[in-house]
């Protein structure tokens, strides 16, 4: 998932790859995809199909949204935090632009 190759991810998962395998930081593939959402939102001003397709694939193979990385963060908590920060940032920018 780190290299954004959905086709390869499908092949690996279809052949029994562990969807909840962790790297040295304790991140699963779902952690990595969720961590990229903020970056894509900032640069493209929308959630790209990339994130949705990858998240859907991982969830289809029973990715655990509550599995913790080494810092104790779960993909679910990271997603919610990213969503809230993005929402707040957008409103602050709009407010500044309007009242600036």
PDB file of N, CA and C in Angstrom:
ATOM      1  N   UNK A   1       0.829  -1.189   0.000  1.00  0.00           N
ATOM      2  CA  UNK A   1       0.000   0.000   0.000  1.00  0.00           C
ATOM      3  C   UNK A   1       0.868   1.245   0.000  1.00  0.00           C
ATOM      4  N   UNK A   2       2.076   1.101   0.473  1.00  0.00           N
ATOM      5  CA  UNK A   2       2.979   2.242   0.530  1.00  0.00           C
ATOM      6  C   UNK A   2       3.234   2.807  -0.859  1.00  0.00           C
ATOM      7  N   UNK A   3       3.249   1.938  -1.848  1.00  0.00           N
ATOM      8  CA  UNK A   3       3.574   2.374  -3.198  1.00  0.00           C
ATOM      9  C   UNK A   3       2.344   2.565  -4.069  1.00  0.00           C
ATOM     10  N   UNK A   4       1.179   2.525  -3.466  1.00  0.00           N
ATOM     11  CA  UNK A   4      -0.079   2.884  -4.119  1.00  0.00           C
ATOM     12  C   UNK A   4      -0.447   1.975  -5.287  1.00  0.00           C
ATOM     13  N   UNK A   5      -0.075   0.703  -5.249  1.00  0.00           N
ATOM     14  CA  UNK A   5      -0.359  -0.194  -6.348  1.00  0.00           C
ATOM     15  C   UNK A   5      -1.502  -1.131  -5.973  1.00  0.00           C
ATOM     16  N   UNK A   6      -2.696  -0.734  -6.360  1.00  0.00           N
ATOM     17  CA  UNK A   6      -3.899  -1.480  -6.007  1.00  0.00           C
ATOM     18  C   UNK A   6      -3.885  -2.877  -6.619  1.00  0.00           C
ATOM     19  N   UNK A   7      -3.416  -2.985  -7.853  1.00  0.00           N
ATOM     20  CA  UNK A   7      -3.385  -4.278  -8.538  1.00  0.00           C
ATOM     21  C   UNK A   7      -2.514  -5.283  -7.779  1.00  0.00           C
ATOM     22  N   UNK A   8      -1.343  -4.858  -7.368  1.00  0.00           N
ATOM     23  CA  UNK A   8      -0.444  -5.738  -6.614  1.00  0.00           C
ATOM     24  C   UNK A   8      -1.065  -6.105  -5.264  1.00  0.00           C
ATOM     25  N   UNK A   9      -1.692  -5.135  -4.617  1.00  0.00           N
ATOM     26  CA  UNK A   9      -2.344  -5.406  -3.330  1.00  0.00           C
ATOM     27  C   UNK A   9      -3.425  -6.473  -3.488  1.00  0.00           C
ATOM     28  N   UNK A  10      -4.208  -6.386  -4.561  1.00  0.00           N
ATOM     29  CA  UNK A  10      -5.250  -7.389  -4.809  1.00  0.00           C
ATOM     30  C   UNK A  10      -4.647  -8.776  -4.982  1.00  0.00           C
ATOM     31  N   UNK A  11      -3.570  -8.853  -5.752  1.00  0.00           N
ATOM     32  CA  UNK A  11      -2.914 -10.147  -5.976  1.00  0.00           C
ATOM     33  C   UNK A  11      -2.416 -10.723  -4.651  1.00  0.00           C
ATOM     34  N   UNK A  12      -1.750  -9.896  -3.863  1.00  0.00           N
ATOM     35  CA  UNK A  12      -1.218 -10.366  -2.583  1.00  0.00           C
ATOM     36  C   UNK A  12      -2.332 -10.839  -1.653  1.00  0.00           C
ATOM     37  N   UNK A  13      -3.389 -10.049  -1.551  1.00  0.00           N
ATOM     38  CA  UNK A  13      -4.491 -10.408  -0.655  1.00  0.00           C
ATOM     39  C   UNK A  13      -5.228 -11.653  -1.147  1.00  0.00           C
ATOM     40  N   UNK A  14      -5.398 -11.760  -2.459  1.00  0.00           N
ATOM     41  CA  UNK A  14      -6.045 -12.952  -3.021  1.00  0.00           C
ATOM     42  C   UNK A  14      -5.234 -14.218  -2.771  1.00  0.00           C
ATOM     43  N   UNK A  15      -3.945 -14.054  -2.569  1.00  0.00           N
ATOM     44  CA  UNK A  15      -3.069 -15.204  -2.346  1.00  0.00           C
ATOM     45  C   UNK A  15      -2.693 -15.377  -0.877  1.00  0.00           C
ATOM     46  N   UNK A  16      -3.478 -14.781   0.004  1.00  0.00           N
ATOM     47  CA  UNK A  16      -3.338 -15.056   1.423  1.00  0.00           C
ATOM     48  C   UNK A  16      -2.456 -14.124   2.233  1.00  0.00           C
ATOM     49  N   UNK A  17      -2.062 -12.982   1.669  1.00  0.00           N
ATOM     50  CA  UNK A  17      -1.262 -12.030   2.449  1.00  0.00           C
ATOM     51  C   UNK A  17      -2.055 -11.580   3.674  1.00  0.00           C
ATOM     52  N   UNK A  18      -1.367 -11.347   4.761  1.00  0.00           N
ATOM     53  CA  UNK A  18      -1.999 -10.909   6.008  1.00  0.00           C
ATOM     54  C   UNK A  18      -2.333  -9.421   5.914  1.00  0.00           C
ATOM     55  N   UNK A  19      -3.607  -9.102   5.834  1.00  0.00           N
ATOM     56  CA  UNK A  19      -4.054  -7.717   5.689  1.00  0.00           C
ATOM     57  C   UNK A  19      -3.690  -6.869   6.906  1.00  0.00           C
ATOM     58  N   UNK A  20      -3.453  -7.519   8.036  1.00  0.00           N
ATOM     59  CA  UNK A  20      -3.122  -6.794   9.264  1.00  0.00           C
ATOM     60  C   UNK A  20      -1.644  -6.883   9.640  1.00  0.00           C
ATOM     61  N   UNK A  21      -0.805  -7.282   8.691  1.00  0.00           N
ATOM     62  CA  UNK A  21       0.638  -7.338   8.952  1.00  0.00           C
ATOM     63  C   UNK A  21       1.144  -5.934   9.255  1.00  0.00           C
ATOM     64  N   UNK A  22       2.121  -5.846  10.163  1.00  0.00           N
ATOM     65  CA  UNK A  22       2.656  -4.546  10.585  1.00  0.00           C
ATOM     66  C   UNK A  22       4.096  -4.365  10.118  1.00  0.00           C
ATOM     67  N   UNK A  23       4.473  -3.101   9.875  1.00  0.00           N
ATOM     68  CA  UNK A  23       5.873  -2.790   9.608  1.00  0.00           C
ATOM     69  C   UNK A  23       6.573  -2.508  10.941  1.00  0.00           C
ATOM     70  N   UNK A  24       7.809  -2.046  10.890  1.00  0.00           N
ATOM     71  CA  UNK A  24       8.579  -1.812  12.122  1.00  0.00           C
ATOM     72  C   UNK A  24       7.967  -0.749  13.030  1.00  0.00           C
ATOM     73  N   UNK A  25       7.162   0.151  12.462  1.00  0.00           N
ATOM     74  CA  UNK A  25       6.500   1.189  13.254  1.00  0.00           C
ATOM     75  C   UNK A  25       5.134   0.737  13.769  1.00  0.00           C
ATOM     76  N   UNK A  26       4.771  -0.488  13.446  1.00  0.00           N
ATOM     77  CA  UNK A  26       3.479  -1.000  13.874  1.00  0.00           C
ATOM     78  C   UNK A  26       2.341  -0.604  12.957  1.00  0.00           C
ATOM     79  N   UNK A  27       2.663  -0.008  11.814  1.00  0.00           N
ATOM     80  CA  UNK A  27       1.627   0.400  10.871  1.00  0.00           C
ATOM     81  C   UNK A  27       1.185  -0.774  10.004  1.00  0.00           C
ATOM     82  N   UNK A  28      -0.119  -0.879   9.832  1.00  0.00           N
ATOM     83  CA  UNK A  28      -0.676  -1.823   8.872  1.00  0.00           C
ATOM     84  C   UNK A  28      -0.886  -1.071   7.564  1.00  0.00           C
ATOM     85  N   UNK A  29      -1.294  -1.792   6.527  1.00  0.00           N
ATOM     86  CA  UNK A  29      -1.584  -1.140   5.251  1.00  0.00           C
ATOM     87  C   UNK A  29      -2.674  -0.087   5.426  1.00  0.00           C
ATOM     88  N   UNK A  30      -3.657  -0.373   6.262  1.00  0.00           N
ATOM     89  CA  UNK A  30      -4.740   0.585   6.490  1.00  0.00           C
ATOM     90  C   UNK A  30      -4.227   1.853   7.166  1.00  0.00           C
ATOM     91  N   UNK A  31      -3.298   1.728   8.103  1.00  0.00           N
ATOM     92  CA  UNK A  31      -2.672   2.918   8.703  1.00  0.00           C
ATOM     93  C   UNK A  31      -2.036   3.779   7.606  1.00  0.00           C
ATOM     94  N   UNK A  32      -1.299   3.142   6.703  1.00  0.00           N
ATOM     95  CA  UNK A  32      -0.569   3.878   5.669  1.00  0.00           C
ATOM     96  C   UNK A  32      -1.508   4.613   4.721  1.00  0.00           C
ATOM     97  N   UNK A  33      -2.606   3.964   4.344  1.00  0.00           N
ATOM     98  CA  UNK A  33      -3.570   4.618   3.453  1.00  0.00           C
ATOM     99  C   UNK A  33      -4.231   5.797   4.158  1.00  0.00           C
ATOM    100  N   UNK A  34      -4.672   5.597   5.380  1.00  0.00           N
ATOM    101  CA  UNK A  34      -5.335   6.666   6.134  1.00  0.00           C
ATOM    102  C   UNK A  34      -4.388   7.845   6.348  1.00  0.00           C
ATOM    103  N   UNK A  35      -3.119   7.569   6.602  1.00  0.00           N
ATOM    104  CA  UNK A  35      -2.144   8.647   6.796  1.00  0.00           C
ATOM    105  C   UNK A  35      -1.954   9.491   5.543  1.00  0.00           C
ATOM    106  N   UNK A  36      -2.244   8.933   4.386  1.00  0.00           N
ATOM    107  CA  UNK A  36      -2.066   9.661   3.131  1.00  0.00           C
ATOM    108  C   UNK A  36      -3.260  10.560   2.790  1.00  0.00           C
ATOM    109  N   UNK A  37      -4.388  10.340   3.431  1.00  0.00           N
ATOM    110  CA  UNK A  37      -5.589  11.108   3.100  1.00  0.00           C
ATOM    111  C   UNK A  37      -5.354  12.600   3.278  1.00  0.00           C
ATOM    112  N   UNK A  38      -4.741  13.020   4.371  1.00  0.00           N
ATOM    113  CA  UNK A  38      -4.492  14.440   4.627  1.00  0.00           C
ATOM    114  C   UNK A  38      -3.626  15.042   3.536  1.00  0.00           C
ATOM    115  N   UNK A  39      -2.594  14.331   3.130  1.00  0.00           N
ATOM    116  CA  UNK A  39      -1.695  14.832   2.089  1.00  0.00           C
ATOM    117  C   UNK A  39      -2.457  15.027   0.790  1.00  0.00           C
ATOM    118  N   UNK A  40      -3.245  14.040   0.394  1.00  0.00           N
ATOM    119  CA  UNK A  40      -3.997  14.155  -0.846  1.00  0.00           C
ATOM    120  C   UNK A  40      -5.034  15.266  -0.764  1.00  0.00           C
ATOM    121  N   UNK A  41      -5.655  15.431   0.379  1.00  0.00           N
ATOM    122  CA  UNK A  41      -6.652  16.492   0.521  1.00  0.00           C
ATOM    123  C   UNK A  41      -6.000  17.858   0.367  1.00  0.00           C
ATOM    124  N   UNK A  42      -4.857  18.054   0.987  1.00  0.00           N
ATOM    125  CA  UNK A  42      -4.182  19.347   0.928  1.00  0.00           C
ATOM    126  C   UNK A  42      -3.762  19.707  -0.488  1.00  0.00           C
ATOM    127  N   UNK A  43      -3.301  18.728  -1.252  1.00  0.00           N
ATOM    128  CA  UNK A  43      -2.799  19.023  -2.588  1.00  0.00           C
ATOM    129  C   UNK A  43      -3.879  19.000  -3.659  1.00  0.00           C
ATOM    130  N   UNK A  44      -4.882  18.172  -3.499  1.00  0.00           N
ATOM    131  CA  UNK A  44      -5.887  18.032  -4.543  1.00  0.00           C
ATOM    132  C   UNK A  44      -7.262  18.548  -4.142  1.00  0.00           C
ATOM    133  N   UNK A  45      -7.407  18.972  -2.896  1.00  0.00           N
ATOM    134  CA  UNK A  45      -8.638  19.540  -2.355  1.00  0.00           C
ATOM    135  C   UNK A  45      -9.834  18.599  -2.443  1.00  0.00           C
ATOM    136  N   UNK A  46      -9.568  17.331  -2.480  1.00  0.00           N
ATOM    137  CA  UNK A  46     -10.635  16.333  -2.428  1.00  0.00           C
ATOM    138  C   UNK A  46     -10.007  14.996  -2.074  1.00  0.00           C
ATOM    139  N   UNK A  47     -10.836  14.106  -1.571  1.00  0.00           N
ATOM    140  CA  UNK A  47     -10.341  12.758  -1.302  1.00  0.00           C
ATOM    141  C   UNK A  47     -10.319  12.011  -2.621  1.00  0.00           C
ATOM    142  N   UNK A  48      -9.174  11.567  -3.043  1.00  0.00           N
ATOM    143  CA  UNK A  48      -9.086  10.907  -4.345  1.00  0.00           C
ATOM    144  C   UNK A  48      -9.649   9.497  -4.306  1.00  0.00           C
ATOM    145  N   UNK A  49      -9.947   9.009  -5.485  1.00  0.00           N
ATOM    146  CA  UNK A  49     -10.410   7.633  -5.619  1.00  0.00           C
ATOM    147  C   UNK A  49      -9.389   6.681  -5.033  1.00  0.00           C
ATOM    148  N   UNK A  50      -8.110   7.051  -5.121  1.00  0.00           N
ATOM    149  CA  UNK A  50      -7.037   6.200  -4.589  1.00  0.00           C
ATOM    150  C   UNK A  50      -7.342   5.752  -3.165  1.00  0.00           C
ATOM    151  N   UNK A  51      -7.644   6.679  -2.307  1.00  0.00           N
ATOM    152  CA  UNK A  51      -7.872   6.343  -0.897  1.00  0.00           C
ATOM    153  C   UNK A  51      -9.102   5.467  -0.735  1.00  0.00           C
ATOM    154  N   UNK A  52     -10.176   5.830  -1.399  1.00  0.00           N
ATOM    155  CA  UNK A  52     -11.411   5.069  -1.267  1.00  0.00           C
ATOM    156  C   UNK A  52     -11.248   3.639  -1.753  1.00  0.00           C
ATOM    157  N   UNK A  53     -10.601   3.469  -2.910  1.00  0.00           N
ATOM    158  CA  UNK A  53     -10.411   2.130  -3.469  1.00  0.00           C
ATOM    159  C   UNK A  53      -9.545   1.262  -2.563  1.00  0.00           C
ATOM    160  N   UNK A  54      -8.482   1.836  -2.042  1.00  0.00           N
ATOM    161  CA  UNK A  54      -7.586   1.078  -1.181  1.00  0.00           C
ATOM    162  C   UNK A  54      -8.246   0.732   0.153  1.00  0.00           C
ATOM    163  N   UNK A  55      -8.945   1.682   0.728  1.00  0.00           N
ATOM    164  CA  UNK A  55      -9.638   1.417   1.992  1.00  0.00           C
ATOM    165  C   UNK A  55     -10.691   0.329   1.798  1.00  0.00           C
ATOM    166  N   UNK A  56     -11.461   0.427   0.717  1.00  0.00           N
ATOM    167  CA  UNK A  56     -12.494  -0.577   0.443  1.00  0.00           C
ATOM    168  C   UNK A  56     -11.886  -1.966   0.277  1.00  0.00           C
ATOM    169  N   UNK A  57     -10.773  -2.049  -0.441  1.00  0.00           N
ATOM    170  CA  UNK A  57     -10.116  -3.342  -0.632  1.00  0.00           C
ATOM    171  C   UNK A  57      -9.656  -3.926   0.700  1.00  0.00           C
ATOM    172  N   UNK A  58      -9.014  -3.118   1.504  1.00  0.00           N
ATOM    173  CA  UNK A  58      -8.505  -3.604   2.787  1.00  0.00           C
ATOM    174  C   UNK A  58      -9.640  -4.035   3.715  1.00  0.00           C
ATOM    175  N   UNK A  59     -10.718  -3.272   3.729  1.00  0.00           N
ATOM    176  CA  UNK A  59     -11.862  -3.638   4.572  1.00  0.00           C
ATOM    177  C   UNK A  59     -12.534  -4.914   4.070  1.00  0.00           C
ATOM    178  N   UNK A  60     -12.558  -5.090   2.750  1.00  0.00           N
ATOM    179  CA  UNK A  60     -13.113  -6.319   2.170  1.00  0.00           C
ATOM    180  C   UNK A  60     -12.369  -7.549   2.691  1.00  0.00           C
ATOM    181  N   UNK A  61     -11.077  -7.393   2.913  1.00  0.00           N
ATOM    182  CA  UNK A  61     -10.260  -8.498   3.420  1.00  0.00           C
ATOM    183  C   UNK A  61     -10.114  -8.444   4.944  1.00  0.00           C
ATOM    184  N   UNK A  62     -11.044  -7.758   5.583  1.00  0.00           N
ATOM    185  CA  UNK A  62     -11.143  -7.717   7.053  1.00  0.00           C
ATOM    186  C   UNK A  62      -9.984  -7.021   7.752  1.00  0.00           C
ATOM    187  N   UNK A  63      -9.536  -5.915   7.182  1.00  0.00           N
ATOM    188  CA  UNK A  63      -8.527  -5.106   7.872  1.00  0.00           C
ATOM    189  C   UNK A  63      -9.121  -4.627   9.194  1.00  0.00           C
ATOM    190  N   UNK A  64      -8.324  -4.675  10.229  1.00  0.00           N
ATOM    191  CA  UNK A  64      -8.763  -4.286  11.570  1.00  0.00           C
ATOM    192  C   UNK A  64      -8.609  -2.774  11.739  1.00  0.00           C
ATOM    193  N   UNK A  65      -9.722  -2.067  11.878  1.00  0.00           N
ATOM    194  CA  UNK A  65      -9.682  -0.605  12.021  1.00  0.00           C
ATOM    195  C   UNK A  65      -9.257  -0.180  13.418  1.00  0.00           C
ATOM    196  N   UNK A  66      -9.205  -1.133  14.345  1.00  0.00           N
ATOM    197  CA  UNK A  66      -8.857  -0.819  15.735  1.00  0.00           C
ATOM    198  C   UNK A  66      -7.481  -1.327  16.158  1.00  0.00           C
ATOM    199  N   UNK A  67      -6.688  -1.799  15.217  1.00  0.00           N
ATOM    200  CA  UNK A  67      -5.351  -2.300  15.546  1.00  0.00           C
ATOM    201  C   UNK A  67      -4.426  -1.109  15.798  1.00  0.00           C
ATOM    202  N   UNK A  68      -3.660  -1.163  16.869  1.00  0.00           N
ATOM    203  CA  UNK A  68      -2.805  -0.032  17.249  1.00  0.00           C
ATOM    204  C   UNK A  68      -1.407  -0.152  16.657  1.00  0.00           C
ATOM    205  N   UNK A  69      -0.850   1.006  16.263  1.00  0.00           N
ATOM    206  CA  UNK A  69       0.556   1.046  15.864  1.00  0.00           C
ATOM    207  C   UNK A  69       1.403   1.253  17.119  1.00  0.00           C
ATOM    208  N   UNK A  70       2.702   1.451  16.949  1.00  0.00           N
ATOM    209  CA  UNK A  70       3.597   1.589  18.106  1.00  0.00           C
ATOM    210  C   UNK A  70       3.293   2.822  18.961  1.00  0.00           C
ATOM    211  N   UNK A  71       2.610   3.815  18.391  1.00  0.00           N
ATOM    212  CA  UNK A  71       2.245   5.011  19.150  1.00  0.00           C
ATOM    213  C   UNK A  71       0.850   4.900  19.766  1.00  0.00           C
ATOM    214  N   UNK A  72       0.188   3.778  19.556  1.00  0.00           N
ATOM    215  CA  UNK A  72      -1.142   3.574  20.115  1.00  0.00           C
ATOM    216  C   UNK A  72      -2.265   4.122  19.261  1.00  0.00           C
ATOM    217  N   UNK A  73      -1.965   4.538  18.039  1.00  0.00           N
ATOM    218  CA  UNK A  73      -2.990   5.068  17.142  1.00  0.00           C
ATOM    219  C   UNK A  73      -3.591   3.951  16.296  1.00  0.00           C
ATOM    220  N   UNK A  74      -4.888   4.036  16.085  1.00  0.00           N
ATOM    221  CA  UNK A  74      -5.568   3.076  15.220  1.00  0.00           C
ATOM    222  C   UNK A  74      -5.879   3.749  13.888  1.00  0.00           C
ATOM    223  N   UNK A  75      -6.112   2.976  12.817  1.00  0.00           N
ATOM    224  CA  UNK A  75      -6.520   3.592  11.555  1.00  0.00           C
ATOM    225  C   UNK A  75      -7.810   4.400  11.717  1.00  0.00           C
ATOM    226  N   UNK A  76      -8.735   3.889  12.518  1.00  0.00           N
ATOM    227  CA  UNK A  76     -10.003   4.588  12.719  1.00  0.00           C
ATOM    228  C   UNK A  76      -9.796   5.931  13.411  1.00  0.00           C
ATOM    229  N   UNK A  77      -9.017   5.944  14.486  1.00  0.00           N
ATOM    230  CA  UNK A  77      -8.796   7.211  15.202  1.00  0.00           C
ATOM    231  C   UNK A  77      -8.024   8.200  14.333  1.00  0.00           C
ATOM    232  N   UNK A  78      -7.082   7.705  13.553  1.00  0.00           N
ATOM    233  CA  UNK A  78      -6.321   8.584  12.658  1.00  0.00           C
ATOM    234  C   UNK A  78      -7.221   9.175  11.582  1.00  0.00           C
ATOM    235  N   UNK A  79      -8.140   8.362  11.061  1.00  0.00           N
ATOM    236  CA  UNK A  79      -9.068   8.829  10.034  1.00  0.00           C
ATOM    237  C   UNK A  79      -9.965   9.933  10.588  1.00  0.00           C
ATOM    238  N   UNK A  80     -10.517   9.713  11.763  1.00  0.00           N
ATOM    239  CA  UNK A  80     -11.391  10.716  12.385  1.00  0.00           C
ATOM    240  C   UNK A  80     -10.619  12.002  12.655  1.00  0.00           C
ATOM    241  N   UNK A  81      -9.427  11.899  13.202  1.00  0.00           N
ATOM    242  CA  UNK A  81      -8.609  13.076  13.486  1.00  0.00           C
ATOM    243  C   UNK A  81      -8.280  13.830  12.203  1.00  0.00           C
ATOM    244  N   UNK A  82      -7.891  13.110  11.162  1.00  0.00           N
ATOM    245  CA  UNK A  82      -7.578  13.740   9.878  1.00  0.00           C
ATOM    246  C   UNK A  82      -8.799  14.453   9.323  1.00  0.00           C
ATOM    247  N   UNK A  83      -9.953  13.804   9.401  1.00  0.00           N
ATOM    248  CA  UNK A  83     -11.190  14.407   8.908  1.00  0.00           C
ATOM    249  C   UNK A  83     -11.501  15.700   9.660  1.00  0.00           C
ATOM    250  N   UNK A  84     -11.410  15.659  10.970  1.00  0.00           N
ATOM    251  CA  UNK A  84     -11.726  16.846  11.774  1.00  0.00           C
ATOM    252  C   UNK A  84     -10.728  17.974  11.530  1.00  0.00           C
ATOM    253  N   UNK A  85      -9.447  17.645  11.457  1.00  0.00           N
ATOM    254  CA  UNK A  85      -8.431  18.672  11.194  1.00  0.00           C
ATOM    255  C   UNK A  85      -8.613  19.290   9.817  1.00  0.00           C
ATOM    256  N   UNK A  86      -8.923  18.469   8.841  1.00  0.00           N
ATOM    257  CA  UNK A  86      -9.142  18.965   7.484  1.00  0.00           C
ATOM    258  C   UNK A  86     -10.368  19.862   7.441  1.00  0.00           C
ATOM    259  N   UNK A  87     -11.423  19.451   8.091  1.00  0.00           N
ATOM    260  CA  UNK A  87     -12.647  20.243   8.140  1.00  0.00           C
ATOM    261  C   UNK A  87     -12.389  21.589   8.808  1.00  0.00           C
ATOM    262  N   UNK A  88     -11.698  21.583   9.933  1.00  0.00           N
ATOM    263  CA  UNK A  88     -11.385  22.826  10.644  1.00  0.00           C
ATOM    264  C   UNK A  88     -10.476  23.721   9.811  1.00  0.00           C
ATOM    265  N   UNK A  89      -9.470  23.143   9.187  1.00  0.00           N
ATOM    266  CA  UNK A  89      -8.543  23.927   8.363  1.00  0.00           C
ATOM    267  C   UNK A  89      -9.274  24.592   7.213  1.00  0.00           C
ATOM    268  N   UNK A  90     -10.167  23.853   6.584  1.00  0.00           N
ATOM    269  CA  UNK A  90     -10.930  24.392   5.464  1.00  0.00           C
ATOM    270  C   UNK A  90     -11.786  25.562   5.914  1.00  0.00           C
ATOM    271  N   UNK A  91     -12.449  25.423   7.041  1.00  0.00           N
ATOM    272  CA  UNK A  91     -13.300  26.504   7.544  1.00  0.00           C
ATOM    273  C   UNK A  91     -12.480  27.724   7.961  1.00  0.00           C
ATOM    274  N   UNK A  92     -11.331  27.509   8.543  1.00  0.00           N
ATOM    275  CA  UNK A  92     -10.468  28.631   8.930  1.00  0.00           C
ATOM    276  C   UNK A  92     -10.004  29.390   7.695  1.00  0.00           C
ATOM    277  N   UNK A  93      -9.608  28.667   6.663  1.00  0.00           N
ATOM    278  CA  UNK A  93      -9.163  29.311   5.421  1.00  0.00           C
ATOM    279  C   UNK A  93     -10.311  30.080   4.790  1.00  0.00           C
ATOM    280  N   UNK A  94     -11.497  29.487   4.735  1.00  0.00           N
ATOM    281  CA  UNK A  94     -12.658  30.174   4.170  1.00  0.00           C
ATOM    282  C   UNK A  94     -13.011  31.412   4.992  1.00  0.00           C
ATOM    283  N   UNK A  95     -12.965  31.291   6.304  1.00  0.00           N
ATOM    284  CA  UNK A  95     -13.257  32.412   7.185  1.00  0.00           C
ATOM    285  C   UNK A  95     -12.254  33.538   6.949  1.00  0.00           C
ATOM    286  N   UNK A  96     -10.985  33.193   6.871  1.00  0.00           N
ATOM    287  CA  UNK A  96      -9.929  34.191   6.650  1.00  0.00           C
ATOM    288  C   UNK A  96     -10.107  34.854   5.289  1.00  0.00           C
ATOM    289  N   UNK A  97     -10.434  34.068   4.285  1.00  0.00           N
ATOM    290  CA  UNK A  97     -10.630  34.616   2.942  1.00  0.00           C
ATOM    291  C   UNK A  97     -11.823  35.580   2.913  1.00  0.00           C
ATOM    292  N   UNK A  98     -12.893  35.213   3.602  1.00  0.00           N
ATOM    293  CA  UNK A  98     -14.100  36.031   3.602  1.00  0.00           C
ATOM    294  C   UNK A  98     -13.928  37.307   4.421  1.00  0.00           C
ATOM    295  N   UNK A  99     -13.338  37.173   5.610  1.00  0.00           N
ATOM    296  CA  UNK A  99     -13.221  38.308   6.519  1.00  0.00           C
ATOM    297  C   UNK A  99     -11.845  38.951   6.508  1.00  0.00           C
ATOM    298  N   UNK A 100     -10.884  38.259   5.881  1.00  0.00           N
ATOM    299  CA  UNK A 100      -9.497  38.570   5.863  1.00  0.00           C
ATOM    300  C   UNK A 100      -9.040  39.929   5.870  1.00  0.00           C
TER     301      UNK A 100
END
